[in-house]
Structures are given as structure tokens and as C-alpha cells.
Amino acid sequence: MAKAIQRSLDSDTSKITESDPAMTQGLASSKESDAVRRAKAIRNERKAAAILEKYHRKFVKTVRDGDCFYDGMSKIRRDASITGLRKKSYDEGKRCLDGNGKLQFHPVLTSLFQKQIEMLKEPRNYAEQIDLRLMACTQNCRIIVCDLDETVINVLGPEGELEEYPKKTLSEVMGQHPEAELFVFDGKDKHYMTARKK
């Protein structure tokens, strides 16, 4: 029965695409754009791996579903799952909002951070900079984020504080903090990549 239904669906799809050349072209274009996106992702992963290699790190592949930052941290720290790390960040975020956490939020930004912290409860949600800050303080580590051009985007201290490094190169910042967890961020695809220390 299932095979008969599948044959019927296949033949109906074939009739539609044969009678609608635009649909056939659209399907082909969709397959091509998927291939182009995959090829671009592979190129960017290789570029990130080359950057990370300079700092004696071995690239680890991260998921591309909105959990890439947490997936990367779980793989390099090896002591928690994506869900566990999200929960730790969420719990610390709630403590911070109550005035009992490591981070102190400016009153003007509290409502923004509250919304971002609530996003942490759900998988595949990235809550922007608050994710990085809460992770640094819950894991008690320094986190450095650069882009694919090796421009330093963020440097976070072990208390979750943002550190200022105006106009310093990645090699200068990493020279000061070789123990830091290093992430490469692809801003166009909103994807974090990282590596384990060798």
C-alpha cells in the first residue's frame, strides 16, 4: 500500500514538474543553492581551522542549528552537554537579574538581557553577547571571539566581564591570554567554530 502511494506521489510530482518548467527550474536552483551553501560552509570551516591551528588548537566541528556556541564549548571543555551548559547559563542569568550573580546589569539594559536570558531556556536559540558573558562566568574561563578575518570581536574575562582591546590584533590578544578559549565567528551565517587545545 505504501509503495503504491509513493509511486502515485512520484508520478504526480513528475507530472507537475513536467507541466511547470518554472517549478523544475526552482527545484534545480534550490538544490544548487544548497550545494553552494555547503561548499561555502566547508570553506569557512577550513579558514577557521587554519586560524585556530596558529594558536595550537585542533578544529572541532560544531552543529549548525543555533546551538553551535554551546556545542563548541561542550566539546572543548568536555564536562557538560549543550543542555547542561544552557541550563547553567540560564540559572546564572536569573541570579544576575535578581542581583545575586557575577554580572551586574545596567538598569537600562535589564529588560533586553531579561529577554535574551529567557531565550536560553529553549534549544537552538542564540541570545547574542549575553551567551558569551554567562558562559565565561559559569565556566570561569576567558573567551576570545574573532571573525574569519582574525579581527577581535569580543574578549570576555572569567567573571563574564567584557574586556576592551582597541585595535589589538588576535595574535596580540592571544599572546596575552594563551589559556583562553578561542572561537571564530562567521557573521554572515551566524556560526561559531572552535577547537581543542593541543
N, C-alpha and C. Protein backbone atom coordinates (compact mmCIF):
# COMPACT_ATOMS: atom_id res chain seq x y z
N MET A 1 0.83 -1.19 0.00
CA MET A 1 0.00 0.00 0.00
C MET A 1 0.88 1.27 0.00
N ALA A 2 1.89 1.30 0.91
CA ALA A 2 2.76 2.47 0.99
C ALA A 2 3.52 2.69 -0.31
N LYS A 3 3.97 1.57 -0.94
CA LYS A 3 4.70 1.69 -2.20
C LYS A 3 3.80 2.27 -3.29
N ALA A 4 2.55 1.86 -3.30
CA ALA A 4 1.60 2.35 -4.29
C ALA A 4 1.38 3.85 -4.12
N ILE A 5 1.25 4.28 -2.87
CA ILE A 5 1.06 5.70 -2.60
C ILE A 5 2.29 6.49 -3.03
N GLN A 6 3.50 5.96 -2.71
CA GLN A 6 4.73 6.65 -3.08
C GLN A 6 4.86 6.76 -4.60
N ARG A 7 4.51 5.64 -5.34
CA ARG A 7 4.56 5.70 -6.80
C ARG A 7 3.59 6.75 -7.32
N SER A 8 2.41 6.82 -6.71
CA SER A 8 1.42 7.81 -7.12
C SER A 8 1.94 9.22 -6.88
N LEU A 9 2.54 9.44 -5.70
CA LEU A 9 3.10 10.76 -5.40
C LEU A 9 4.24 11.10 -6.36
N ASP A 10 5.12 10.12 -6.62
CA ASP A 10 6.23 10.36 -7.54
C ASP A 10 5.73 10.72 -8.93
N SER A 11 4.73 9.99 -9.39
CA SER A 11 4.24 10.26 -10.74
C SER A 11 3.50 11.60 -10.79
N ASP A 12 2.78 11.95 -9.69
CA ASP A 12 2.10 13.25 -9.65
C ASP A 12 3.13 14.38 -9.66
N THR A 13 4.21 14.22 -8.89
CA THR A 13 5.25 15.24 -8.85
C THR A 13 5.90 15.38 -10.22
N SER A 14 6.13 14.25 -10.87
CA SER A 14 6.73 14.26 -12.19
C SER A 14 5.84 15.01 -13.18
N LYS A 15 4.52 14.77 -13.09
CA LYS A 15 3.59 15.46 -13.99
C LYS A 15 3.61 16.96 -13.75
N ILE A 16 3.66 17.34 -12.45
CA ILE A 16 3.65 18.77 -12.12
C ILE A 16 4.91 19.44 -12.68
N THR A 17 6.06 18.81 -12.43
CA THR A 17 7.29 19.45 -12.87
C THR A 17 7.41 19.44 -14.38
N GLU A 18 6.86 18.41 -15.04
CA GLU A 18 6.90 18.38 -16.50
C GLU A 18 6.01 19.48 -17.06
N SER A 19 4.86 19.74 -16.39
CA SER A 19 3.94 20.75 -16.92
C SER A 19 4.30 22.15 -16.45
N ASP A 20 5.19 22.27 -15.48
CA ASP A 20 5.56 23.58 -14.96
C ASP A 20 7.09 23.73 -14.97
N PRO A 21 7.65 24.19 -16.09
CA PRO A 21 9.10 24.33 -16.19
C PRO A 21 9.68 25.25 -15.12
N ALA A 22 8.91 26.24 -14.68
CA ALA A 22 9.41 27.15 -13.63
C ALA A 22 9.64 26.39 -12.33
N MET A 23 8.74 25.44 -12.03
CA MET A 23 8.91 24.64 -10.81
C MET A 23 10.14 23.75 -10.93
N THR A 24 10.34 23.17 -12.09
CA THR A 24 11.52 22.35 -12.32
C THR A 24 12.78 23.17 -12.13
N GLN A 25 12.78 24.38 -12.68
CA GLN A 25 13.94 25.26 -12.54
C GLN A 25 14.14 25.66 -11.08
N GLY A 26 13.03 25.91 -10.37
CA GLY A 26 13.10 26.27 -8.95
C GLY A 26 13.69 25.15 -8.12
N LEU A 27 13.28 23.90 -8.39
CA LEU A 27 13.82 22.75 -7.67
C LEU A 27 15.31 22.60 -7.93
N ALA A 28 15.71 22.76 -9.18
CA ALA A 28 17.13 22.65 -9.54
C ALA A 28 17.93 23.77 -8.87
N SER A 29 17.37 24.97 -8.88
CA SER A 29 18.05 26.10 -8.25
C SER A 29 18.20 25.89 -6.75
N SER A 30 17.17 25.33 -6.12
CA SER A 30 17.22 25.06 -4.69
C SER A 30 18.33 24.05 -4.36
N LYS A 31 18.43 22.99 -5.17
CA LYS A 31 19.49 22.01 -4.96
C LYS A 31 20.86 22.64 -5.16
N GLU A 32 20.97 23.51 -6.17
CA GLU A 32 22.24 24.18 -6.43
C GLU A 32 22.60 25.11 -5.28
N SER A 33 21.63 25.87 -4.77
CA SER A 33 21.94 26.80 -3.69
C SER A 33 22.32 26.05 -2.42
N ASP A 34 21.72 24.88 -2.18
CA ASP A 34 22.14 24.04 -1.04
C ASP A 34 23.58 23.61 -1.21
N ALA A 35 23.95 23.23 -2.42
CA ALA A 35 25.33 22.81 -2.68
C ALA A 35 26.29 23.98 -2.50
N VAL A 36 25.88 25.17 -2.94
CA VAL A 36 26.71 26.36 -2.79
C VAL A 36 26.88 26.69 -1.31
N ARG A 37 25.79 26.61 -0.53
CA ARG A 37 25.87 26.89 0.91
C ARG A 37 26.79 25.89 1.61
N ARG A 38 26.67 24.62 1.26
CA ARG A 38 27.54 23.60 1.87
C ARG A 38 29.01 23.86 1.52
N ALA A 39 29.27 24.20 0.27
CA ALA A 39 30.65 24.47 -0.15
C ALA A 39 31.20 25.70 0.59
N LYS A 40 30.38 26.73 0.76
CA LYS A 40 30.80 27.92 1.49
C LYS A 40 31.08 27.57 2.96
N ALA A 41 30.22 26.75 3.55
CA ALA A 41 30.42 26.35 4.95
C ALA A 41 31.73 25.59 5.11
N ILE A 42 32.03 24.72 4.17
CA ILE A 42 33.28 23.95 4.23
C ILE A 42 34.48 24.88 4.09
N ARG A 43 34.41 25.84 3.15
CA ARG A 43 35.50 26.82 3.00
C ARG A 43 35.71 27.61 4.29
N ASN A 44 34.63 28.04 4.91
CA ASN A 44 34.74 28.81 6.14
C ASN A 44 35.28 27.97 7.30
N GLU A 45 34.89 26.70 7.34
CA GLU A 45 35.43 25.81 8.37
C GLU A 45 36.93 25.62 8.19
N ARG A 46 37.37 25.49 6.95
CA ARG A 46 38.81 25.34 6.69
C ARG A 46 39.56 26.62 7.07
N LYS A 47 38.96 27.76 6.77
CA LYS A 47 39.59 29.03 7.13
C LYS A 47 39.68 29.16 8.66
N ALA A 48 38.60 28.81 9.35
CA ALA A 48 38.60 28.85 10.82
C ALA A 48 39.62 27.88 11.38
N ALA A 49 39.70 26.68 10.81
CA ALA A 49 40.67 25.69 11.28
C ALA A 49 42.09 26.20 11.15
N ALA A 50 42.38 26.92 10.06
CA ALA A 50 43.71 27.48 9.85
C ALA A 50 44.02 28.55 10.90
N ILE A 51 43.03 29.37 11.21
CA ILE A 51 43.21 30.39 12.25
C ILE A 51 43.49 29.72 13.59
N LEU A 52 42.67 28.75 13.94
CA LEU A 52 42.79 28.07 15.23
C LEU A 52 44.11 27.30 15.34
N GLU A 53 44.57 26.75 14.24
CA GLU A 53 45.83 26.00 14.21
C GLU A 53 47.01 26.89 14.62
N LYS A 54 46.96 28.16 14.24
CA LYS A 54 48.03 29.09 14.60
C LYS A 54 48.22 29.19 16.11
N TYR A 55 47.15 28.89 16.85
CA TYR A 55 47.19 29.01 18.31
C TYR A 55 47.16 27.63 18.98
N HIS A 56 47.69 26.65 18.24
CA HIS A 56 47.88 25.28 18.75
C HIS A 56 46.57 24.65 19.20
N ARG A 57 45.58 24.72 18.30
CA ARG A 57 44.28 24.13 18.57
C ARG A 57 43.86 23.26 17.41
N LYS A 58 43.14 22.20 17.75
CA LYS A 58 42.64 21.26 16.74
C LYS A 58 41.15 21.50 16.55
N PHE A 59 40.76 21.85 15.34
CA PHE A 59 39.39 22.19 14.97
C PHE A 59 38.41 21.09 15.35
N VAL A 60 37.27 21.49 15.92
CA VAL A 60 36.17 20.56 16.16
C VAL A 60 34.94 21.11 15.45
N LYS A 61 34.25 20.24 14.77
CA LYS A 61 33.06 20.64 14.02
C LYS A 61 31.92 20.93 15.00
N THR A 62 31.20 22.01 14.76
CA THR A 62 30.06 22.35 15.60
C THR A 62 28.78 22.30 14.78
N VAL A 63 27.68 22.03 15.47
CA VAL A 63 26.38 21.93 14.80
C VAL A 63 26.00 23.27 14.20
N ARG A 64 25.16 23.22 13.19
CA ARG A 64 24.71 24.45 12.52
C ARG A 64 23.20 24.62 12.72
N ASP A 65 22.77 24.52 13.98
CA ASP A 65 21.34 24.59 14.24
C ASP A 65 20.96 25.61 15.30
N GLY A 66 21.84 26.55 15.58
CA GLY A 66 21.56 27.55 16.61
C GLY A 66 22.20 27.22 17.95
N ASP A 67 22.76 26.03 18.08
CA ASP A 67 23.44 25.62 19.31
C ASP A 67 24.95 25.54 19.12
N CYS A 68 25.48 26.16 18.06
CA CYS A 68 26.90 26.00 17.73
C CYS A 68 27.83 26.46 18.85
N PHE A 69 27.51 27.57 19.50
CA PHE A 69 28.37 28.07 20.58
C PHE A 69 28.40 27.07 21.73
N TYR A 70 27.23 26.58 22.13
CA TYR A 70 27.15 25.62 23.24
C TYR A 70 27.76 24.28 22.86
N ASP A 71 27.55 23.87 21.62
CA ASP A 71 28.14 22.62 21.15
C ASP A 71 29.67 22.72 21.18
N GLY A 72 30.19 23.85 20.70
CA GLY A 72 31.64 24.05 20.72
C GLY A 72 32.19 24.02 22.12
N MET A 73 31.54 24.72 23.03
CA MET A 73 32.03 24.76 24.41
C MET A 73 31.94 23.38 25.06
N SER A 74 30.89 22.63 24.77
CA SER A 74 30.77 21.29 25.37
C SER A 74 31.86 20.36 24.85
N LYS A 75 32.29 20.57 23.61
CA LYS A 75 33.34 19.71 23.04
C LYS A 75 34.73 20.09 23.53
N ILE A 76 34.98 21.36 23.75
CA ILE A 76 36.33 21.74 24.17
C ILE A 76 36.50 21.65 25.69
N ARG A 77 35.42 21.82 26.44
CA ARG A 77 35.52 21.71 27.89
C ARG A 77 35.26 20.28 28.37
N ARG A 78 34.53 19.52 27.58
CA ARG A 78 34.27 18.08 27.81
C ARG A 78 33.64 17.77 29.17
N ASP A 79 32.99 18.71 29.78
CA ASP A 79 32.42 18.41 31.09
C ASP A 79 30.93 18.68 31.18
N ALA A 80 30.30 18.95 30.06
CA ALA A 80 28.87 19.23 30.09
C ALA A 80 28.27 19.07 28.71
N SER A 81 26.98 18.89 28.70
CA SER A 81 26.24 18.79 27.45
C SER A 81 25.75 20.18 27.04
N ILE A 82 25.24 20.27 25.83
CA ILE A 82 24.66 21.53 25.37
C ILE A 82 23.55 21.95 26.32
N THR A 83 22.68 21.02 26.66
CA THR A 83 21.56 21.31 27.56
C THR A 83 22.06 21.74 28.93
N GLY A 84 23.08 21.05 29.45
CA GLY A 84 23.64 21.39 30.75
C GLY A 84 24.26 22.78 30.76
N LEU A 85 24.98 23.12 29.70
CA LEU A 85 25.60 24.44 29.61
C LEU A 85 24.54 25.53 29.49
N ARG A 86 23.51 25.28 28.71
CA ARG A 86 22.41 26.24 28.59
C ARG A 86 21.76 26.47 29.95
N LYS A 87 21.53 25.38 30.68
CA LYS A 87 20.88 25.49 32.00
C LYS A 87 21.76 26.29 32.97
N LYS A 88 23.07 26.01 32.98
CA LYS A 88 23.97 26.77 33.86
C LYS A 88 23.93 28.26 33.51
N SER A 89 23.97 28.56 32.21
CA SER A 89 23.93 29.96 31.78
C SER A 89 22.61 30.61 32.16
N TYR A 90 21.51 29.89 31.95
CA TYR A 90 20.19 30.43 32.29
C TYR A 90 20.10 30.70 33.79
N ASP A 91 20.50 29.72 34.60
CA ASP A 91 20.43 29.88 36.06
C ASP A 91 21.28 31.06 36.54
N GLU A 92 22.50 31.18 35.99
CA GLU A 92 23.35 32.30 36.37
C GLU A 92 22.74 33.62 35.90
N GLY A 93 22.16 33.62 34.71
CA GLY A 93 21.49 34.82 34.20
C GLY A 93 20.36 35.26 35.11
N LYS A 94 19.56 34.32 35.58
CA LYS A 94 18.47 34.65 36.51
C LYS A 94 19.02 35.21 37.82
N ARG A 95 20.12 34.62 38.33
CA ARG A 95 20.74 35.16 39.55
C ARG A 95 21.23 36.59 39.31
N CYS A 96 21.81 36.82 38.14
CA CYS A 96 22.29 38.18 37.82
C CYS A 96 21.14 39.17 37.78
N LEU A 97 20.03 38.77 37.17
CA LEU A 97 18.87 39.66 37.11
C LEU A 97 18.32 39.97 38.50
N ASP A 98 18.44 39.00 39.41
CA ASP A 98 17.99 39.20 40.80
C ASP A 98 19.02 39.95 41.64
N GLY A 99 20.18 40.26 41.05
CA GLY A 99 21.23 40.97 41.78
C GLY A 99 22.15 40.07 42.59
N ASN A 100 22.07 38.74 42.36
CA ASN A 100 22.87 37.79 43.14
C ASN A 100 23.91 37.05 42.32
N GLY A 101 24.11 37.43 41.08
CA GLY A 101 25.06 36.74 40.21
C GLY A 101 26.36 37.51 40.06
N LYS A 102 27.23 36.98 39.23
CA LYS A 102 28.53 37.61 39.00
C LYS A 102 28.42 38.89 38.18
N LEU A 103 27.49 38.93 37.25
CA LEU A 103 27.35 40.09 36.37
C LEU A 103 26.36 41.09 36.95
N GLN A 104 26.69 42.35 36.82
CA GLN A 104 25.79 43.42 37.23
C GLN A 104 25.32 44.12 35.95
N PHE A 105 24.02 44.15 35.73
CA PHE A 105 23.48 44.76 34.53
C PHE A 105 23.07 46.19 34.79
N HIS A 106 23.36 47.05 33.82
CA HIS A 106 22.91 48.44 33.89
C HIS A 106 21.38 48.42 33.82
N PRO A 107 20.70 49.18 34.68
CA PRO A 107 19.23 49.16 34.70
C PRO A 107 18.58 49.39 33.34
N VAL A 108 19.19 50.22 32.51
CA VAL A 108 18.62 50.49 31.18
C VAL A 108 18.61 49.23 30.32
N LEU A 109 19.58 48.34 30.51
CA LEU A 109 19.71 47.14 29.67
C LEU A 109 19.04 45.91 30.29
N THR A 110 18.52 46.01 31.49
CA THR A 110 17.97 44.84 32.18
C THR A 110 16.88 44.16 31.37
N SER A 111 15.95 44.92 30.79
CA SER A 111 14.85 44.28 30.05
C SER A 111 15.37 43.55 28.82
N LEU A 112 16.38 44.12 28.15
CA LEU A 112 16.98 43.44 27.00
C LEU A 112 17.63 42.14 27.43
N PHE A 113 18.43 42.19 28.50
CA PHE A 113 19.10 40.98 28.98
C PHE A 113 18.08 39.96 29.49
N GLN A 114 17.00 40.43 30.08
CA GLN A 114 15.97 39.51 30.56
C GLN A 114 15.40 38.69 29.40
N LYS A 115 15.12 39.38 28.28
CA LYS A 115 14.60 38.68 27.09
C LYS A 115 15.64 37.68 26.55
N GLN A 116 16.90 38.11 26.50
CA GLN A 116 17.95 37.23 25.99
C GLN A 116 18.15 36.02 26.91
N ILE A 117 18.09 36.23 28.21
CA ILE A 117 18.26 35.13 29.16
C ILE A 117 17.11 34.14 29.04
N GLU A 118 15.90 34.63 28.84
CA GLU A 118 14.75 33.73 28.65
C GLU A 118 14.94 32.85 27.42
N MET A 119 15.60 33.39 26.40
CA MET A 119 15.86 32.62 25.17
C MET A 119 16.74 31.40 25.44
N LEU A 120 17.54 31.46 26.49
CA LEU A 120 18.45 30.35 26.80
C LEU A 120 17.72 29.07 27.19
N LYS A 121 16.47 29.19 27.63
CA LYS A 121 15.71 28.01 28.04
C LYS A 121 15.42 27.08 26.87
N GLU A 122 15.36 27.64 25.70
CA GLU A 122 14.99 26.86 24.51
C GLU A 122 16.22 26.52 23.69
N PRO A 123 16.33 25.27 23.25
CA PRO A 123 17.46 24.91 22.39
C PRO A 123 17.41 25.66 21.06
N ARG A 124 18.58 25.77 20.46
CA ARG A 124 18.73 26.38 19.14
C ARG A 124 18.44 27.88 19.11
N ASN A 125 18.48 28.50 20.27
CA ASN A 125 18.34 29.95 20.34
C ASN A 125 19.67 30.54 20.75
N TYR A 126 20.10 31.52 20.03
CA TYR A 126 21.33 32.21 20.37
C TYR A 126 20.94 33.59 20.87
N ALA A 127 21.38 33.94 22.07
CA ALA A 127 20.95 35.18 22.71
C ALA A 127 22.01 36.27 22.64
N GLU A 128 22.82 36.24 21.64
CA GLU A 128 23.83 37.26 21.38
C GLU A 128 24.89 37.32 22.47
N GLN A 129 25.33 38.52 22.82
CA GLN A 129 26.50 38.66 23.69
C GLN A 129 26.29 38.09 25.09
N ILE A 130 25.07 38.06 25.57
CA ILE A 130 24.84 37.56 26.94
C ILE A 130 25.24 36.09 27.05
N ASP A 131 25.08 35.33 25.97
CA ASP A 131 25.53 33.93 25.96
C ASP A 131 27.02 33.84 26.31
N LEU A 132 27.81 34.65 25.64
CA LEU A 132 29.26 34.64 25.86
C LEU A 132 29.60 35.03 27.28
N ARG A 133 28.99 36.08 27.77
CA ARG A 133 29.29 36.57 29.11
C ARG A 133 28.93 35.55 30.19
N LEU A 134 27.74 34.96 30.07
CA LEU A 134 27.32 33.98 31.07
C LEU A 134 28.18 32.72 31.00
N MET A 135 28.56 32.32 29.80
CA MET A 135 29.41 31.14 29.66
C MET A 135 30.77 31.37 30.29
N ALA A 136 31.36 32.54 30.06
CA ALA A 136 32.67 32.84 30.65
C ALA A 136 32.60 32.76 32.17
N CYS A 137 31.54 33.31 32.75
CA CYS A 137 31.50 33.30 34.22
C CYS A 137 31.09 31.94 34.78
N THR A 138 30.22 31.18 34.11
CA THR A 138 29.86 29.86 34.65
C THR A 138 30.98 28.85 34.48
N GLN A 139 31.79 29.02 33.43
CA GLN A 139 32.91 28.10 33.20
C GLN A 139 34.22 28.64 33.76
N ASN A 140 34.17 29.86 34.30
CA ASN A 140 35.35 30.50 34.89
C ASN A 140 36.53 30.48 33.92
N CYS A 141 36.26 30.96 32.72
CA CYS A 141 37.31 30.97 31.70
C CYS A 141 37.25 32.26 30.89
N ARG A 142 38.35 32.58 30.25
CA ARG A 142 38.39 33.71 29.35
C ARG A 142 37.99 33.20 27.96
N ILE A 143 37.17 33.97 27.27
CA ILE A 143 36.72 33.61 25.91
C ILE A 143 37.09 34.74 24.97
N ILE A 144 37.74 34.37 23.88
CA ILE A 144 38.09 35.33 22.84
C ILE A 144 37.35 34.92 21.57
N VAL A 145 36.72 35.90 20.94
CA VAL A 145 35.99 35.66 19.70
C VAL A 145 36.59 36.56 18.62
N CYS A 146 36.92 35.95 17.49
CA CYS A 146 37.38 36.72 16.33
C CYS A 146 36.52 36.34 15.14
N ASP A 147 36.64 37.10 14.07
CA ASP A 147 35.91 36.76 12.85
C ASP A 147 36.84 36.02 11.89
N LEU A 148 36.34 35.73 10.72
CA LEU A 148 37.12 34.96 9.74
C LEU A 148 38.31 35.75 9.18
N ASP A 149 38.35 37.05 9.46
CA ASP A 149 39.50 37.87 9.06
C ASP A 149 40.46 38.08 10.22
N GLU A 150 40.24 37.38 11.31
CA GLU A 150 41.05 37.43 12.53
C GLU A 150 40.94 38.77 13.27
N THR A 151 39.86 39.48 13.05
CA THR A 151 39.59 40.70 13.80
C THR A 151 38.96 40.30 15.13
N VAL A 152 39.50 40.83 16.22
CA VAL A 152 38.97 40.51 17.55
C VAL A 152 37.60 41.18 17.70
N ILE A 153 36.59 40.36 18.03
CA ILE A 153 35.23 40.87 18.21
C ILE A 153 34.92 41.07 19.69
N ASN A 154 35.21 40.04 20.48
CA ASN A 154 34.93 40.08 21.92
C ASN A 154 36.05 39.42 22.69
N VAL A 155 36.33 39.97 23.86
CA VAL A 155 37.21 39.32 24.83
C VAL A 155 36.46 39.39 26.15
N LEU A 156 36.20 38.22 26.74
CA LEU A 156 35.45 38.16 27.99
C LEU A 156 36.32 37.54 29.06
N GLY A 157 36.31 38.16 30.22
CA GLY A 157 37.08 37.64 31.34
C GLY A 157 36.33 36.56 32.08
N PRO A 158 36.99 35.88 33.00
CA PRO A 158 36.40 34.75 33.71
C PRO A 158 35.23 35.12 34.62
N GLU A 159 35.01 36.40 34.85
CA GLU A 159 33.85 36.84 35.61
C GLU A 159 32.72 37.26 34.68
N GLY A 160 32.93 37.07 33.36
CA GLY A 160 31.92 37.46 32.37
C GLY A 160 32.02 38.90 31.94
N GLU A 161 33.05 39.58 32.41
CA GLU A 161 33.21 41.00 32.06
C GLU A 161 33.75 41.14 30.64
N LEU A 162 33.26 42.16 29.96
CA LEU A 162 33.78 42.49 28.63
C LEU A 162 35.08 43.25 28.82
N GLU A 163 36.09 42.82 28.11
CA GLU A 163 37.38 43.49 28.20
C GLU A 163 37.63 44.26 26.91
N GLU A 164 38.21 45.41 27.03
CA GLU A 164 38.47 46.27 25.88
C GLU A 164 39.87 46.03 25.34
N TYR A 165 39.95 45.77 24.06
CA TYR A 165 41.23 45.60 23.37
C TYR A 165 41.19 46.39 22.08
N PRO A 166 41.15 47.72 22.20
CA PRO A 166 41.03 48.51 20.97
C PRO A 166 42.24 48.33 20.06
N LYS A 167 41.94 47.98 18.84
CA LYS A 167 42.93 47.89 17.77
C LYS A 167 44.04 46.86 18.02
N LYS A 168 43.84 45.93 18.91
CA LYS A 168 44.85 44.88 19.09
C LYS A 168 44.54 43.75 18.13
N THR A 169 45.59 43.13 17.64
CA THR A 169 45.40 42.00 16.73
C THR A 169 45.09 40.75 17.54
N LEU A 170 44.59 39.74 16.85
CA LEU A 170 44.30 38.47 17.51
C LEU A 170 45.58 37.89 18.12
N SER A 171 46.68 37.97 17.38
CA SER A 171 47.93 37.40 17.92
C SER A 171 48.38 38.15 19.18
N GLU A 172 48.16 39.45 19.26
CA GLU A 172 48.50 40.20 20.48
C GLU A 172 47.63 39.77 21.66
N VAL A 173 46.33 39.65 21.42
CA VAL A 173 45.41 39.26 22.49
C VAL A 173 45.70 37.82 22.93
N MET A 174 45.90 36.92 21.97
CA MET A 174 46.20 35.53 22.32
C MET A 174 47.56 35.42 23.00
N GLY A 175 48.50 36.30 22.64
CA GLY A 175 49.79 36.32 23.32
C GLY A 175 49.66 36.67 24.78
N GLN A 176 48.69 37.54 25.10
CA GLN A 176 48.43 37.91 26.49
C GLN A 176 47.65 36.83 27.23
N HIS A 177 46.80 36.08 26.49
CA HIS A 177 45.91 35.11 27.13
C HIS A 177 45.92 33.77 26.38
N PRO A 178 47.04 33.08 26.37
CA PRO A 178 47.10 31.82 25.60
C PRO A 178 46.18 30.72 26.14
N GLU A 179 45.74 30.86 27.39
CA GLU A 179 44.87 29.86 28.00
C GLU A 179 43.40 30.03 27.60
N ALA A 180 43.07 31.14 26.96
CA ALA A 180 41.68 31.46 26.62
C ALA A 180 41.07 30.44 25.67
N GLU A 181 39.75 30.31 25.76
CA GLU A 181 39.01 29.52 24.78
C GLU A 181 38.81 30.44 23.58
N LEU A 182 39.16 29.96 22.40
CA LEU A 182 39.11 30.78 21.19
C LEU A 182 38.00 30.29 20.26
N PHE A 183 37.15 31.22 19.86
CA PHE A 183 36.07 30.93 18.92
C PHE A 183 36.24 31.82 17.70
N VAL A 184 35.92 31.26 16.53
CA VAL A 184 35.89 32.02 15.29
C VAL A 184 34.42 32.13 14.90
N PHE A 185 33.98 33.35 14.66
CA PHE A 185 32.57 33.61 14.37
C PHE A 185 32.40 34.02 12.91
N ASP A 186 31.55 33.27 12.21
CA ASP A 186 31.17 33.60 10.84
C ASP A 186 29.92 34.47 10.93
N GLY A 187 30.09 35.78 10.80
CA GLY A 187 29.00 36.72 10.98
C GLY A 187 27.88 36.58 9.97
N LYS A 188 28.19 36.19 8.75
CA LYS A 188 27.15 36.05 7.73
C LYS A 188 26.23 34.88 8.03
N ASP A 189 26.79 33.77 8.45
CA ASP A 189 25.98 32.59 8.75
C ASP A 189 25.64 32.46 10.23
N LYS A 190 26.10 33.42 11.05
CA LYS A 190 25.87 33.39 12.50
C LYS A 190 26.29 32.03 13.08
N HIS A 191 27.53 31.66 12.80
CA HIS A 191 28.02 30.33 13.21
C HIS A 191 29.35 30.45 13.96
N TYR A 192 29.39 29.82 15.15
CA TYR A 192 30.61 29.77 15.95
C TYR A 192 31.37 28.49 15.65
N MET A 193 32.68 28.63 15.51
CA MET A 193 33.57 27.48 15.32
C MET A 193 34.69 27.57 16.35
N THR A 194 35.19 26.42 16.77
CA THR A 194 36.22 26.42 17.79
C THR A 194 37.11 25.21 17.65
N ALA A 195 38.00 25.04 18.62
CA ALA A 195 38.96 23.94 18.58
C ALA A 195 39.45 23.61 19.98
N ARG A 196 39.91 22.38 20.15
CA ARG A 196 40.50 21.96 21.42
C ARG A 196 41.97 22.36 21.44
N LYS A 197 42.45 22.68 22.63
CA LYS A 197 43.87 22.96 22.79
C LYS A 197 44.64 21.66 22.61
N LYS A 198 45.79 21.75 21.91
CA LYS A 198 46.61 20.55 21.66
C LYS A 198 47.45 20.23 22.86
